[in-house]
Amino acid sequence: MRLPKCVACGSNTASWFDGQAEQAANFYISIFPNSRMLNVARYPEGGPAPAGSAMSVSFVLDGLENQGLNAGPQFSFTEAISFFVQVETQAEIDDFWNQLTSNGGEPGNCGWLKDQFGLSWQVVPTTLGQLLGDLDPARASRVMATMMGQTNIIIADLRASADSE
């Protein structure tokens, strides 16, 4: 499994939340192995949010350090930024898909989804890239057409479309 890497800094990502950064971090940590909370910075008395509420959180998802900021409603998540989760098996796809869409998350197309906090994720098998990169353009095209009609990716359907004539 691979999670994102910031191009500018090489390792960290930061996400802007409207008061749910700590809740989101705990949710993500519960899903991904090799994950943990590093730090929670809390607002002091007289701050722009209630004293003791999380201002920012630092956490690790599968070995990658992330930041969550409770910075208010001025900006919201869009599909322009997403976390990319690459897995090997259908069971992993289904597990991550079900967990990330739980509690109000929304399925999207082509392996995309939004979690309960509105953050976009892509849960895709490594075999998808291999099939889309097939040297036979007709095979790759059939795989693309199949993927475009899926919500969570079904590996067997991708392989079947690649092998169909």
Protein backbone atom coordinates (compact mmCIF):
# COMPACT_ATOMS: atom_id res chain seq x y z
CA MET A 1 0.00 0.00 0.00
CA ARG A 2 1.23 3.50 -0.81
CA LEU A 3 -0.08 6.79 0.48
CA PRO A 4 0.74 10.24 -0.93
CA LYS A 5 4.03 12.10 -0.81
CA CYS A 6 4.18 15.86 -0.95
CA VAL A 7 6.13 16.93 -4.04
CA ALA A 8 7.43 20.09 -2.37
CA CYS A 9 8.53 18.61 0.95
CA GLY A 10 9.08 14.95 0.11
CA SER A 11 7.12 13.41 2.95
CA ASN A 12 4.32 15.37 4.60
CA THR A 13 0.80 16.27 3.62
CA ALA A 14 -1.51 18.74 5.30
CA SER A 15 -5.30 18.79 5.24
CA TRP A 16 -7.58 21.68 6.20
CA PHE A 17 -10.58 20.71 8.34
CA ASP A 18 -13.43 22.67 9.83
CA GLY A 19 -13.14 21.43 13.42
CA GLN A 20 -12.81 17.67 12.76
CA ALA A 21 -9.03 17.21 12.32
CA GLU A 22 -8.58 15.15 15.49
CA GLN A 23 -11.66 13.03 14.76
CA ALA A 24 -10.48 12.46 11.18
CA ALA A 25 -6.95 11.53 12.25
CA ASN A 26 -8.28 9.00 14.73
CA PHE A 27 -10.58 7.56 12.05
CA TYR A 28 -7.73 7.19 9.54
CA ILE A 29 -5.39 5.72 12.15
CA SER A 30 -8.00 3.08 12.94
CA ILE A 31 -8.06 1.99 9.27
CA PHE A 32 -4.44 1.94 8.13
CA PRO A 33 -1.69 -0.25 9.57
CA ASN A 34 1.57 1.29 10.75
CA SER A 35 -0.32 4.43 11.84
CA ARG A 36 -0.38 6.51 15.00
CA MET A 37 -1.11 9.94 16.44
CA LEU A 38 2.03 12.01 16.99
CA ASN A 39 0.77 15.25 18.51
CA VAL A 40 -2.33 17.31 19.12
CA ALA A 41 -1.83 21.07 19.54
CA ARG A 42 -4.79 22.60 21.35
CA TYR A 43 -6.19 26.12 21.30
CA PRO A 44 -5.40 28.13 24.44
CA GLU A 45 -7.82 30.37 26.33
CA GLY A 46 -8.67 33.41 24.23
CA GLY A 47 -7.99 31.67 20.91
CA PRO A 48 -10.29 31.70 17.90
CA ALA A 49 -11.81 28.34 18.92
CA PRO A 50 -12.85 26.88 22.28
CA ALA A 51 -9.94 26.37 24.66
CA GLY A 52 -8.74 22.78 24.61
CA SER A 53 -10.11 21.99 21.17
CA ALA A 54 -7.64 20.68 18.60
CA MET A 55 -5.91 23.36 16.57
CA SER A 56 -3.74 20.91 14.63
CA VAL A 57 -2.88 17.25 14.71
CA SER A 58 0.20 15.37 13.52
CA PHE A 59 -0.28 11.74 12.66
CA VAL A 60 1.29 8.93 10.68
CA LEU A 61 -0.65 6.90 8.09
CA ASP A 62 1.16 3.76 7.00
CA GLY A 63 4.50 5.40 7.73
CA LEU A 64 3.72 8.78 6.11
CA GLU A 65 3.51 11.83 8.36
CA ASN A 66 0.45 14.06 7.90
CA GLN A 67 -0.92 17.24 9.39
CA GLY A 68 -4.55 18.09 10.02
CA LEU A 69 -5.45 21.73 10.63
CA ASN A 70 -8.70 22.98 12.13
CA ALA A 71 -8.70 26.24 10.27
CA GLY A 72 -12.38 26.89 9.67
CA PRO A 73 -14.90 26.66 6.87
CA GLN A 74 -13.20 29.01 4.39
CA PHE A 75 -11.84 26.12 2.30
CA SER A 76 -13.27 22.67 1.72
CA PHE A 77 -11.90 19.52 0.15
CA THR A 78 -12.22 18.98 -3.58
CA GLU A 79 -11.35 16.06 -5.81
CA ALA A 80 -8.31 18.05 -6.98
CA ILE A 81 -6.46 16.49 -4.05
CA SER A 82 -6.92 12.90 -2.96
CA PHE A 83 -5.18 10.20 -1.02
CA PHE A 84 -4.12 7.31 -3.25
CA VAL A 85 -4.25 3.83 -1.73
CA GLN A 86 -2.73 1.14 -3.92
CA VAL A 87 -3.41 -2.46 -2.90
CA GLU A 88 -2.87 -5.96 -4.25
CA THR A 89 -6.09 -7.87 -3.60
CA GLN A 90 -9.84 -7.53 -3.96
CA ALA A 91 -10.21 -8.13 -0.23
CA GLU A 92 -8.01 -5.09 0.48
CA ILE A 93 -9.98 -2.95 -1.97
CA ASP A 94 -13.27 -3.98 -0.37
CA ASP A 95 -11.97 -3.50 3.18
CA PHE A 96 -10.56 0.00 2.62
CA TRP A 97 -13.56 0.99 0.48
CA ASN A 98 -16.08 -0.12 3.12
CA GLN A 99 -14.22 1.53 5.99
CA LEU A 100 -13.60 4.83 4.20
CA THR A 101 -17.22 5.13 3.00
CA SER A 102 -18.65 4.23 6.41
CA ASN A 103 -20.43 6.80 8.58
CA GLY A 104 -21.59 9.00 5.71
CA GLY A 105 -18.83 8.59 3.16
CA GLU A 106 -19.85 8.59 -0.50
CA PRO A 107 -18.84 6.26 -3.32
CA GLY A 108 -17.59 7.80 -6.53
CA ASN A 109 -16.60 6.39 -9.89
CA CYS A 110 -13.44 4.57 -10.97
CA GLY A 111 -12.24 3.69 -7.46
CA TRP A 112 -12.79 7.17 -6.03
CA LEU A 113 -14.72 7.91 -2.86
CA LYS A 114 -15.21 10.65 -0.31
CA ASP A 115 -14.94 9.83 3.36
CA GLN A 116 -17.25 11.20 6.03
CA PHE A 117 -15.10 14.36 6.26
CA GLY A 118 -15.30 15.06 2.51
CA LEU A 119 -11.71 14.02 1.75
CA SER A 120 -11.31 12.16 -1.55
CA TRP A 121 -9.55 8.80 -1.76
CA GLN A 122 -8.64 6.51 -4.63
CA VAL A 123 -8.51 2.80 -3.74
CA VAL A 124 -7.02 0.92 -6.67
CA PRO A 125 -5.25 -2.37 -7.29
CA THR A 126 -1.70 -2.46 -8.66
CA THR A 127 -3.07 -4.60 -11.48
CA LEU A 128 -5.08 -1.63 -12.79
CA GLY A 129 -1.93 0.21 -13.87
CA GLN A 130 -0.58 -2.94 -15.46
CA LEU A 131 -3.79 -3.54 -17.41
CA LEU A 132 -4.15 0.09 -18.51
CA GLY A 133 -0.52 0.03 -19.64
CA ASP A 134 -1.01 -3.08 -21.79
CA LEU A 135 0.90 -2.89 -25.07
CA ASP A 136 -2.28 -3.94 -26.88
CA PRO A 137 -4.33 -0.72 -27.07
CA ALA A 138 -7.59 -2.65 -27.54
CA ARG A 139 -7.04 -4.52 -24.25
CA ALA A 140 -6.18 -1.31 -22.42
CA SER A 141 -9.22 0.41 -23.91
CA ARG A 142 -11.56 -2.36 -22.74
CA VAL A 143 -10.09 -2.14 -19.23
CA MET A 144 -10.57 1.65 -19.22
CA ALA A 145 -14.20 1.28 -20.29
CA THR A 146 -14.83 -1.27 -17.54
CA MET A 147 -13.14 0.89 -14.89
CA MET A 148 -15.17 3.94 -15.94
CA GLY A 149 -18.37 2.00 -15.17
CA GLN A 150 -17.28 0.85 -11.72
CA THR A 151 -17.49 2.47 -8.31
CA ASN A 152 -15.15 0.39 -6.21
CA ILE A 153 -12.81 -1.48 -8.52
CA ILE A 154 -13.51 -5.16 -9.18
CA ILE A 155 -10.27 -6.82 -10.28
CA ALA A 156 -11.94 -9.87 -11.84
CA ASP A 157 -14.07 -7.62 -14.06
CA LEU A 158 -10.99 -5.68 -15.21
CA ARG A 159 -9.16 -8.88 -16.10
CA ALA A 160 -12.23 -10.30 -17.86
CA SER A 161 -12.60 -7.18 -19.99
CA ALA A 162 -8.91 -7.25 -20.89
CA ASP A 163 -9.23 -10.87 -22.05
CA SER A 164 -12.51 -10.44 -23.94
CA GLU A 165 -12.52 -9.93 -27.69
